[in-house]
Amino acid sequence: MAKPEISSSRRFRPTASRLITAALGAGLVIALAVPATADGAQAAQLSQLPKSSGDRILELNMTSDPTRMHGQPQLAIDPRHPRDLVFMSTADNLAATDFSLYQCFLAYSTDAGATWTHVAFPYGTAQGCGNPQLAVDSRGTFYVAFNFLGGTAPVVIGVARSLDGGRTWSAPVATPLGLSAAPRLVVDNATGDVYVQGAPVPGGYGVGGPQALSVSTDHGLTWGAAEPLPAAAWQGFGNQVAVQDGILVTANAESVINNGTAVATVNPAFYTSFDQGKTWTTRPVTDGDGNPVAPPTGSLVPTPATYTVNTDPIPWVAADPTREGRFAVMVPSGDDLDVYVTRDAGKTWTGPTAIAAPDAFKPAISFGTTGTLGVAWRTTAVNAYSVVSFDDGRTFSRPLQVNRATEPAGTRIEGGDKYSRITIDATYAYITWSDGRTGGDVDAIMSRVPLSLYR
C-alpha cells in the first residue's frame, strides 16, 4: 500500500459566491448576493441560511485567480455522507515554461459545498498534473487520475486515493497506460472495480490514437494490464466510459481521419464488455422504434477548423448506479441534445428525448446516486444551464440557468478545459464549469442547485 502523503491544507470561502432564487421557467433567475467581506464575497454557512434557502442556488467561484487557468472542474460526492464533497480542477500556470505549467487544484467540503478546505495535490514524483479526473466509490474512497508530467515519474497515467474525504491523499500509483489527451476514470459502485482509460503503452499517442483500459480490483492499489478498446470505438480526445454491475460500456459516433486532425460522423454505436474490457460486443444505438440513430449534427461536432476546440466525446455515456444494465447516451442533433436510454445494456432503447440547448458548449450527462438523470451545459457567452429527469429520461425539466449573470469566456487553452460536469445526489445537483469572471484566465465555478427547482 502506498504511503499516505499528509497534505497541507487551507480552509477558505470561495469568492464571488451568490445565492440565487430561481423561478421555474425558461432559465429565469433572480439573484441575492451574499455580503462581501475584506477577503471577498463569501459563502454563507448552511446553518446561517434563512429557512427559505432551500429554494436557492448557491453559486461559487472556487478558485478566483486570474493568473491561473482553472479548467475542467469536477466534483464527487461521498454516497454514504452526501455532505462530504471533493472538488478538483486544473490550475495551469501559463507563465511557466516547463512541466510545472500543468498544475491541479483540490479541495474538500464537509457541509455540502458551503465552505471548502484547499489541500495539496498528490503529484508524487511528477512535476506536473495533466488532464485530471475525479471519482468516488460506494465506500467513500475518492480517486484522482492524471497524466504524470515531468519529474522522475514514468510517462504514464497515475492514480492517487483518499480514505478520509479528501483531507489527505496517497502517493499516486502508476498504471500501465500511457498519457492521454483526455484520460477517463470511472468506478463500478456494485463491484468496487476502478477503471482508467488512456493510451495502451507508456508514453502514449497523439490525438486520435489507440485507446485502452486498465482495471484495479483492489481499490486502486494495483492495476491490471492494458486492454485495448476496439479500433472502431476510438475517439479523438479519448472515449468516455461508464460501468455498473460489471457491465463496462463506451460509445462512438465519429471516425478519426487525417492522422487525427479531423473526424467524420457515423451512426452511433454502443460497445459493451462483461469481462473488464477483454472482449467487446457492438450494437447500434436505436430510437424507441428500433431505427438506427442518425450521425450527430450541429456545432458540437468536430470539424477540421474546430477539432482543437470541440473536444467532447460524441456521444456521451452515463451509467445508472442504482439499476443493472441501465445506461444513457446523448447525441447532438442540431441545436438539441438527444437522450436515449437502454435498460438492457444496449439491446433495446427508448428515445429520443430532445433537450433544446442552442449554443451549447461542453455538455455533460450523469445519473445521480438515486438514479436521477441530469444534463448540463454552458454556452459560449458564458451562461450555464441544466435539466433533470425524474422519470428514467422520458421527460426533462425546463432548462434552468444556474449562474446569476452572463460572464466572459476568459483566456483558456483547450487542453486544460475539456469539459463541464453535473453531479447529483438525493438533494442537490452540482454543476461545474469555467468562465472568465475575474478577468484573464478562466476560473472554476460551481453551482449547487436544489432538486426541488427542477420539479
Protein backbone atom coordinates (compact mmCIF):
# COMPACT_ATOMS: atom_id res chain seq x y z
CA MET A 1 0.00 0.00 0.00
CA ALA A 2 1.30 3.44 -0.94
CA LYS A 3 2.30 5.59 1.99
CA PRO A 4 -0.15 8.46 2.55
CA GLU A 5 1.05 11.98 1.92
CA ILE A 6 -0.11 14.29 4.69
CA SER A 7 -1.46 17.20 2.70
CA SER A 8 -1.03 20.77 3.83
CA SER A 9 -4.46 22.39 3.91
CA ARG A 10 -6.02 25.80 3.95
CA ARG A 11 -9.66 26.48 4.76
CA PHE A 12 -11.24 29.11 2.55
CA ARG A 13 -14.54 30.54 1.45
CA PRO A 14 -14.82 30.62 -2.33
CA THR A 15 -15.15 34.15 -3.67
CA ALA A 16 -17.83 35.74 -5.81
CA SER A 17 -20.43 33.39 -4.34
CA ARG A 18 -24.10 34.09 -4.72
CA LEU A 19 -27.42 32.76 -3.58
CA ILE A 20 -29.84 32.68 -6.47
CA THR A 21 -33.58 32.29 -6.10
CA ALA A 22 -34.64 30.51 -9.26
CA ALA A 23 -38.01 30.99 -10.91
CA LEU A 24 -39.22 27.88 -12.70
CA GLY A 25 -39.36 28.66 -16.37
CA ALA A 26 -37.07 29.18 -19.31
CA GLY A 27 -33.92 29.88 -17.36
CA LEU A 28 -35.18 32.92 -15.41
CA VAL A 29 -33.30 33.77 -12.22
CA ILE A 30 -33.40 36.48 -9.58
CA ALA A 31 -30.20 36.97 -7.62
CA LEU A 32 -29.46 37.72 -3.98
CA ALA A 33 -25.80 38.45 -3.28
CA VAL A 34 -24.05 37.25 -0.13
CA PRO A 35 -22.42 40.27 1.59
CA ALA A 36 -18.75 40.77 0.81
CA THR A 37 -16.00 40.94 3.40
CA ALA A 38 -12.41 42.13 3.28
CA ASP A 39 -11.36 38.90 1.58
CA GLY A 40 -14.16 38.98 -0.98
CA ALA A 41 -17.73 37.76 -1.14
CA GLN A 42 -18.20 34.60 0.86
CA ALA A 43 -20.42 31.57 1.01
CA ALA A 44 -22.78 31.54 3.96
CA GLN A 45 -22.63 28.57 6.30
CA LEU A 46 -25.61 26.31 5.77
CA SER A 47 -26.66 26.77 9.39
CA GLN A 48 -26.81 30.54 8.81
CA LEU A 49 -29.02 30.43 5.74
CA PRO A 50 -32.64 31.52 6.20
CA LYS A 51 -35.29 28.85 6.17
CA SER A 52 -36.24 29.82 2.63
CA SER A 53 -32.73 28.96 1.38
CA GLY A 54 -33.91 25.52 0.29
CA ASP A 55 -35.16 27.01 -2.98
CA ARG A 56 -31.96 28.88 -3.78
CA ILE A 57 -28.93 28.20 -5.94
CA LEU A 58 -25.52 28.63 -4.32
CA GLU A 59 -23.02 29.84 -6.94
CA LEU A 60 -19.31 29.84 -6.05
CA ASN A 61 -16.11 30.88 -7.77
CA MET A 62 -13.97 28.08 -6.42
CA THR A 63 -10.58 29.43 -7.49
CA SER A 64 -10.76 33.21 -8.14
CA ASP A 65 -7.23 33.55 -9.50
CA PRO A 66 -6.84 35.34 -12.86
CA THR A 67 -3.16 34.30 -13.04
CA ARG A 68 -4.03 30.60 -13.32
CA MET A 69 -6.19 28.71 -15.79
CA HIS A 70 -8.68 26.59 -13.84
CA GLY A 71 -10.41 24.36 -16.36
CA GLN A 72 -12.49 21.16 -16.47
CA PRO A 73 -13.82 21.47 -12.88
CA GLN A 74 -15.45 18.40 -11.40
CA LEU A 75 -16.99 17.31 -8.12
CA ALA A 76 -17.56 13.97 -6.39
CA ILE A 77 -19.98 13.14 -3.55
CA ASP A 78 -19.43 10.55 -0.84
CA PRO A 79 -22.57 8.39 -1.28
CA ARG A 80 -22.52 7.43 2.42
CA HIS A 81 -22.18 11.02 3.65
CA PRO A 82 -23.54 13.33 0.94
CA ARG A 83 -22.40 16.50 2.73
CA ASP A 84 -18.79 15.37 2.12
CA LEU A 85 -17.57 16.55 -1.28
CA VAL A 86 -14.28 16.76 -3.18
CA PHE A 87 -13.67 19.37 -5.91
CA MET A 88 -10.90 19.36 -8.50
CA SER A 89 -9.80 21.42 -11.49
CA THR A 90 -6.70 22.22 -13.46
CA ALA A 91 -4.62 25.16 -12.18
CA ASP A 92 -2.26 25.76 -15.08
CA ASN A 93 0.40 28.42 -14.65
CA LEU A 94 0.72 29.78 -18.18
CA ALA A 95 3.79 31.81 -17.19
CA ALA A 96 5.82 28.63 -16.64
CA THR A 97 7.97 27.20 -19.42
CA ASP A 98 8.39 23.61 -18.20
CA PHE A 99 6.08 20.89 -16.92
CA SER A 100 5.34 22.96 -13.81
CA LEU A 101 2.92 24.80 -16.11
CA TYR A 102 0.49 21.93 -15.57
CA GLN A 103 -0.85 22.12 -12.03
CA CYS A 104 -4.06 20.94 -10.38
CA PHE A 105 -6.37 22.25 -7.63
CA LEU A 106 -8.02 20.09 -4.93
CA ALA A 107 -10.42 20.98 -2.11
CA TYR A 108 -12.90 19.21 0.15
CA SER A 109 -16.10 20.25 1.92
CA THR A 110 -17.98 18.76 4.86
CA ASP A 111 -21.07 20.99 4.62
CA ALA A 112 -22.44 20.24 1.13
CA GLY A 113 -20.25 22.84 -0.52
CA ALA A 114 -20.86 25.92 1.63
CA THR A 115 -17.20 26.12 2.73
CA TRP A 116 -14.10 24.40 1.42
CA THR A 117 -10.59 23.45 2.51
CA HIS A 118 -7.82 23.56 -0.09
CA VAL A 119 -5.29 20.71 0.04
CA ALA A 120 -2.08 19.97 -1.80
CA PHE A 121 -2.40 17.89 -4.96
CA PRO A 122 -0.64 14.47 -4.78
CA TYR A 123 1.89 14.91 -7.61
CA GLY A 124 4.23 12.24 -6.24
CA THR A 125 7.47 12.34 -8.24
CA ALA A 126 5.83 14.07 -11.21
CA GLN A 127 6.45 17.76 -11.84
CA GLY A 128 3.04 18.40 -13.33
CA CYS A 129 -0.53 17.13 -13.44
CA GLY A 130 -2.16 16.66 -16.83
CA ASN A 131 -5.91 16.35 -17.51
CA PRO A 132 -7.01 15.16 -14.04
CA GLN A 133 -10.08 13.01 -13.39
CA LEU A 134 -12.03 12.57 -10.14
CA ALA A 135 -14.26 9.72 -8.92
CA VAL A 136 -15.57 8.13 -5.71
CA ASP A 137 -16.66 4.59 -4.86
CA SER A 138 -19.52 3.29 -2.74
CA ARG A 139 -17.26 3.12 0.35
CA GLY A 140 -16.44 6.84 0.13
CA THR A 141 -12.91 6.37 -1.23
CA PHE A 142 -12.05 9.24 -3.58
CA TYR A 143 -9.71 8.76 -6.55
CA VAL A 144 -7.83 11.14 -8.85
CA ALA A 145 -6.20 10.03 -12.10
CA PHE A 146 -3.85 12.25 -14.08
CA ASN A 147 -1.05 12.26 -16.64
CA PHE A 148 2.36 12.15 -14.95
CA LEU A 149 4.26 15.09 -16.47
CA GLY A 150 7.98 15.66 -15.90
CA GLY A 151 9.98 14.99 -12.78
CA THR A 152 11.20 11.44 -12.27
CA ALA A 153 7.78 9.81 -12.73
CA PRO A 154 7.23 7.33 -15.56
CA VAL A 155 5.39 8.64 -18.63
CA VAL A 156 2.06 7.08 -17.71
CA ILE A 157 -1.25 7.85 -16.01
CA GLY A 158 -1.14 7.71 -12.20
CA VAL A 159 -3.93 7.30 -9.64
CA ALA A 160 -3.99 8.57 -6.03
CA ARG A 161 -6.72 7.96 -3.49
CA SER A 162 -8.10 9.47 -0.29
CA LEU A 163 -9.66 7.43 2.52
CA ASP A 164 -10.66 10.43 4.65
CA GLY A 165 -12.93 12.56 2.48
CA GLY A 166 -10.17 14.34 0.56
CA ARG A 167 -8.18 15.58 3.56
CA THR A 168 -5.09 13.50 2.76
CA TRP A 169 -4.05 11.62 -0.36
CA SER A 170 -1.81 8.64 -1.05
CA ALA A 171 1.19 8.88 -3.31
CA PRO A 172 -0.01 8.17 -6.86
CA VAL A 173 0.31 4.63 -8.20
CA ALA A 174 1.48 4.21 -11.80
CA THR A 175 -0.88 2.42 -14.19
CA PRO A 176 0.32 0.68 -17.37
CA LEU A 177 -1.49 3.27 -19.51
CA GLY A 178 0.33 5.94 -21.47
CA LEU A 179 -0.57 9.62 -21.46
CA SER A 180 -3.93 10.55 -22.92
CA ALA A 181 -5.36 13.76 -24.35
CA ALA A 182 -8.35 13.10 -22.09
CA PRO A 183 -7.95 10.30 -19.53
CA ARG A 184 -11.12 8.82 -18.02
CA LEU A 185 -11.71 7.46 -14.53
CA VAL A 186 -14.85 5.54 -13.53
CA VAL A 187 -15.84 3.32 -10.61
CA ASP A 188 -18.21 0.35 -10.60
CA ASN A 189 -20.17 1.04 -7.43
CA ALA A 190 -21.53 -2.51 -7.39
CA THR A 191 -18.20 -4.35 -7.57
CA GLY A 192 -15.75 -1.67 -6.38
CA ASP A 193 -13.60 -2.06 -9.51
CA VAL A 194 -11.90 1.15 -10.69
CA TYR A 195 -11.19 1.77 -14.38
CA VAL A 196 -8.83 4.21 -16.08
CA GLN A 197 -8.77 4.90 -19.82
CA GLY A 198 -5.66 6.07 -21.66
CA ALA A 199 -3.11 5.01 -24.28
CA PRO A 200 -2.25 1.28 -24.42
CA VAL A 201 1.50 1.79 -23.97
CA PRO A 202 3.68 4.05 -21.80
CA GLY A 203 4.37 7.40 -23.41
CA GLY A 204 1.08 7.49 -25.26
CA TYR A 205 -0.12 8.65 -28.64
CA GLY A 206 -1.37 11.91 -30.09
CA VAL A 207 -4.96 12.93 -30.73
CA GLY A 208 -6.93 10.11 -32.33
CA GLY A 209 -4.51 7.37 -31.24
CA PRO A 210 -5.36 3.95 -29.83
CA GLN A 211 -7.26 3.77 -26.53
CA ALA A 212 -7.12 1.18 -23.75
CA LEU A 213 -8.41 0.48 -20.25
CA SER A 214 -6.79 -0.75 -17.05
CA VAL A 215 -8.77 -2.00 -14.06
CA SER A 216 -7.95 -2.13 -10.36
CA THR A 217 -9.78 -4.76 -8.33
CA ASP A 218 -8.19 -3.75 -5.02
CA HIS A 219 -9.37 -0.13 -4.76
CA GLY A 220 -6.51 1.47 -6.63
CA LEU A 221 -3.54 -0.30 -5.04
CA THR A 222 -2.54 -2.24 -8.17
CA TRP A 223 -3.56 -2.08 -11.83
CA GLY A 224 -4.15 -4.74 -14.45
CA ALA A 225 -2.71 -4.96 -17.94
CA ALA A 226 -3.87 -2.50 -20.60
CA GLU A 227 -6.86 -3.88 -22.51
CA PRO A 228 -7.34 -2.15 -25.90
CA LEU A 229 -10.66 -0.70 -26.97
CA PRO A 230 -11.89 -1.80 -30.41
CA ALA A 231 -10.29 0.38 -33.09
CA ALA A 232 -13.71 1.42 -34.40
CA ALA A 233 -14.51 2.87 -30.98
CA TRP A 234 -11.53 5.25 -30.74
CA GLN A 235 -12.39 8.91 -30.30
CA GLY A 236 -10.12 11.86 -30.98
CA PHE A 237 -9.81 13.05 -27.38
CA GLY A 238 -10.38 9.77 -25.60
CA ASN A 239 -13.51 7.74 -25.07
CA GLN A 240 -16.00 8.41 -22.35
CA VAL A 241 -16.67 5.17 -20.49
CA ALA A 242 -19.26 4.08 -17.94
CA VAL A 243 -19.64 0.98 -15.78
CA GLN A 244 -22.07 -0.63 -13.35
CA ASP A 245 -22.60 -4.18 -12.08
CA GLY A 246 -19.69 -5.48 -14.12
CA ILE A 247 -21.01 -4.05 -17.40
CA LEU A 248 -18.45 -1.75 -18.98
CA VAL A 249 -19.59 0.46 -21.87
CA THR A 250 -18.41 3.11 -24.29
CA ALA A 251 -19.88 4.61 -27.45
CA ASN A 252 -18.72 6.29 -30.62
CA ALA A 253 -20.23 8.37 -33.42
CA GLU A 254 -17.09 9.70 -35.04
CA SER A 255 -14.33 8.28 -37.18
CA VAL A 256 -10.93 9.87 -36.70
CA ILE A 257 -9.32 10.74 -40.05
CA ASN A 258 -6.37 12.65 -41.48
CA ASN A 259 -3.91 11.48 -38.81
CA GLY A 260 -6.11 12.76 -36.02
CA THR A 261 -6.73 16.24 -37.44
CA ALA A 262 -10.41 15.76 -38.31
CA VAL A 263 -13.35 13.41 -37.91
CA ALA A 264 -16.21 12.07 -39.95
CA THR A 265 -19.51 11.40 -38.18
CA VAL A 266 -21.08 7.95 -38.23
CA ASN A 267 -24.19 6.30 -36.81
CA PRO A 268 -23.74 5.98 -33.03
CA ALA A 269 -22.53 2.57 -31.88
CA PHE A 270 -22.66 1.19 -28.33
CA TYR A 271 -19.92 -1.12 -27.06
CA THR A 272 -20.35 -3.42 -24.06
CA SER A 273 -17.91 -5.64 -22.19
CA PHE A 274 -18.73 -8.16 -19.46
CA ASP A 275 -15.12 -9.21 -18.78
CA GLN A 276 -13.41 -5.97 -17.72
CA GLY A 277 -12.66 -4.84 -21.25
CA LYS A 278 -11.07 -8.01 -22.63
CA THR A 279 -13.81 -8.56 -25.24
CA TRP A 280 -16.50 -6.26 -26.62
CA THR A 281 -19.92 -6.52 -28.26
CA THR A 282 -21.05 -3.78 -30.64
CA ARG A 283 -24.66 -2.77 -31.20
CA PRO A 284 -26.25 0.25 -32.88
CA VAL A 285 -27.91 2.91 -30.76
CA THR A 286 -31.54 2.98 -31.91
CA ASP A 287 -34.64 5.01 -31.25
CA GLY A 288 -37.69 3.61 -29.49
CA ASP A 289 -38.88 2.05 -32.76
CA GLY A 290 -35.62 0.22 -33.35
CA ASN A 291 -34.30 2.53 -36.07
CA PRO A 292 -30.57 3.33 -36.03
CA VAL A 293 -29.85 6.82 -34.72
CA ALA A 294 -28.55 9.22 -37.37
CA PRO A 295 -24.99 10.61 -37.17
CA PRO A 296 -24.62 13.64 -34.90
CA THR A 297 -25.01 17.15 -36.29
CA GLY A 298 -24.56 20.72 -35.05
CA SER A 299 -21.81 22.93 -33.69
CA LEU A 300 -20.58 20.33 -31.17
CA VAL A 301 -19.39 18.01 -33.94
CA PRO A 302 -15.65 18.44 -34.55
CA THR A 303 -14.54 19.73 -37.94
CA PRO A 304 -11.06 20.41 -39.35
CA ALA A 305 -11.47 24.04 -38.24
CA THR A 306 -12.73 23.27 -34.72
CA TYR A 307 -11.05 20.00 -33.83
CA THR A 308 -8.78 21.65 -31.28
CA VAL A 309 -11.83 23.32 -29.69
CA ASN A 310 -14.51 20.63 -29.82
CA THR A 311 -13.00 18.01 -27.54
CA ASP A 312 -16.26 16.42 -26.42
CA PRO A 313 -16.79 12.67 -26.53
CA ILE A 314 -19.57 12.10 -29.05
CA PRO A 315 -21.78 10.53 -27.95
CA TRP A 316 -21.67 10.98 -24.18
CA VAL A 317 -22.48 7.96 -21.98
CA ALA A 318 -23.64 7.53 -18.38
CA ALA A 319 -24.38 4.57 -16.10
CA ASP A 320 -27.21 4.39 -13.56
CA PRO A 321 -25.63 3.30 -10.24
CA THR A 322 -28.99 2.00 -9.00
CA ARG A 323 -30.01 -0.34 -11.84
CA GLU A 324 -28.10 -3.06 -13.64
CA GLY A 325 -28.00 -2.61 -17.40
CA ARG A 326 -29.37 0.95 -17.46
CA PHE A 327 -27.29 3.42 -19.44
CA ALA A 328 -27.91 6.72 -21.22
CA VAL A 329 -26.37 8.03 -24.43
CA MET A 330 -26.54 11.67 -25.53
CA VAL A 331 -26.16 12.65 -29.18
CA PRO A 332 -26.07 16.24 -30.53
CA SER A 333 -28.69 16.92 -33.22
CA GLY A 334 -28.52 20.50 -34.48
CA ASP A 335 -29.35 22.74 -31.51
CA ASP A 336 -30.73 19.81 -29.50
CA LEU A 337 -29.17 17.23 -27.23
CA ASP A 338 -30.99 13.93 -27.86
CA VAL A 339 -31.03 11.42 -24.99
CA TYR A 340 -31.53 7.67 -25.46
CA VAL A 341 -31.83 5.20 -22.58
CA THR A 342 -31.31 1.43 -22.51
CA ARG A 343 -32.42 -0.85 -19.69
CA ASP A 344 -30.77 -3.99 -21.07
CA ALA A 345 -27.18 -2.90 -21.78
CA GLY A 346 -27.83 -1.77 -25.33
CA LYS A 347 -30.15 -4.43 -26.71
CA THR A 348 -33.14 -2.07 -26.87
CA TRP A 349 -33.53 1.68 -26.46
CA THR A 350 -36.10 4.36 -25.69
CA GLY A 351 -35.98 7.89 -27.06
CA PRO A 352 -35.01 10.28 -28.27
CA THR A 353 -35.92 12.85 -25.66
CA ALA A 354 -34.79 16.15 -27.16
CA ILE A 355 -33.33 18.87 -24.93
CA ALA A 356 -33.30 22.31 -26.57
CA ALA A 357 -29.77 23.63 -25.98
CA PRO A 358 -28.87 26.32 -28.53
CA ASP A 359 -25.23 27.42 -28.41
CA ALA A 360 -24.42 24.52 -26.08
CA PHE A 361 -20.72 24.11 -25.31
CA LYS A 362 -19.12 21.38 -23.20
CA PRO A 363 -22.32 19.49 -22.26
CA ALA A 364 -22.37 16.65 -19.74
CA ILE A 365 -24.77 13.88 -18.74
CA SER A 366 -24.82 11.91 -15.49
CA PHE A 367 -27.01 9.72 -13.31
CA GLY A 368 -27.26 10.67 -9.66
CA THR A 369 -26.86 8.46 -6.63
CA THR A 370 -30.61 7.73 -6.62
CA GLY A 371 -30.98 7.22 -10.39
CA THR A 372 -31.98 10.78 -11.27
CA LEU A 373 -30.65 11.73 -14.72
CA GLY A 374 -29.18 15.19 -15.33
CA VAL A 375 -27.74 17.13 -18.26
CA ALA A 376 -25.74 20.36 -18.02
CA TRP A 377 -24.01 22.66 -20.49
CA ARG A 378 -22.52 26.08 -20.74
CA THR A 379 -22.79 28.47 -23.66
CA THR A 380 -20.02 30.36 -25.35
CA ALA A 381 -21.31 33.61 -23.74
CA VAL A 382 -20.89 32.17 -20.80
CA ASN A 383 -24.12 31.06 -19.14
CA ALA A 384 -24.63 27.65 -17.51
CA TYR A 385 -27.80 25.57 -17.74
CA SER A 386 -29.06 22.23 -16.51
CA VAL A 387 -32.07 19.94 -16.75
CA VAL A 388 -33.12 16.89 -14.71
CA SER A 389 -35.29 13.87 -15.45
CA PHE A 390 -37.17 12.08 -12.67
CA ASP A 391 -38.81 9.51 -14.97
CA ASP A 392 -35.95 7.50 -16.49
CA GLY A 393 -35.20 10.05 -19.20
CA ARG A 394 -38.68 10.10 -20.75
CA THR A 395 -39.03 13.80 -19.93
CA PHE A 396 -36.74 16.54 -18.65
CA SER A 397 -37.40 19.74 -16.74
CA ARG A 398 -37.17 23.09 -18.48
CA PRO A 399 -33.62 24.44 -18.82
CA LEU A 400 -32.62 26.20 -15.61
CA GLN A 401 -29.93 28.87 -15.69
CA VAL A 402 -27.64 28.23 -12.73
CA ASN A 403 -25.43 31.34 -12.89
CA ARG A 404 -26.51 34.84 -11.87
CA ALA A 405 -25.09 36.81 -14.79
CA THR A 406 -23.54 36.23 -18.20
CA GLU A 407 -19.77 36.04 -17.82
CA PRO A 408 -16.89 36.43 -20.30
CA ALA A 409 -15.33 33.31 -21.73
CA GLY A 410 -11.89 34.31 -20.45
CA THR A 411 -8.50 33.11 -21.61
CA ARG A 412 -8.39 29.35 -21.92
CA ILE A 413 -6.33 26.66 -23.58
CA GLU A 414 -8.45 23.78 -24.82
CA GLY A 415 -6.02 21.20 -23.49
CA GLY A 416 -6.77 22.34 -19.94
CA ASP A 417 -10.53 22.85 -20.15
CA LYS A 418 -12.15 19.97 -21.96
CA TYR A 419 -15.49 19.62 -20.21
CA SER A 420 -18.13 20.71 -17.71
CA ARG A 421 -19.88 18.39 -15.25
CA ILE A 422 -23.16 17.66 -13.44
CA THR A 423 -23.15 15.55 -10.26
CA ILE A 424 -26.38 14.68 -8.43
CA ASP A 425 -27.37 13.27 -5.05
CA ALA A 426 -30.78 12.95 -3.38
CA THR A 427 -30.96 16.67 -2.55
CA TYR A 428 -28.83 18.72 -4.95
CA ALA A 429 -27.43 18.90 -8.46
CA TYR A 430 -23.91 20.33 -8.56
CA ILE A 431 -22.97 21.94 -11.88
CA THR A 432 -19.33 22.81 -12.57
CA TRP A 433 -17.89 24.86 -15.45
CA SER A 434 -15.27 27.52 -16.19
CA ASP A 435 -15.56 31.17 -17.16
CA GLY A 436 -13.51 34.37 -17.05
CA ARG A 437 -15.46 36.38 -14.47
CA THR A 438 -12.32 37.62 -12.67
CA GLY A 439 -10.54 38.63 -15.87
CA GLY A 440 -7.60 36.91 -17.50
CA ASP A 441 -7.51 33.10 -17.36
CA VAL A 442 -10.64 31.12 -16.56
CA ASP A 443 -11.75 30.24 -13.04
CA ALA A 444 -13.55 27.10 -11.90
CA ILE A 445 -17.19 27.69 -10.96
CA MET A 446 -19.69 25.55 -9.05
CA SER A 447 -23.42 25.96 -8.53
CA ARG A 448 -25.34 23.87 -6.01
CA VAL A 449 -28.96 23.57 -7.15
CA PRO A 450 -31.78 22.09 -5.01
CA LEU A 451 -33.52 19.33 -6.96
CA SER A 452 -36.84 20.92 -5.99
CA LEU A 453 -36.16 23.66 -8.55
CA TYR A 454 -36.39 21.18 -11.39
CA ARG A 455 -39.83 19.86 -10.46
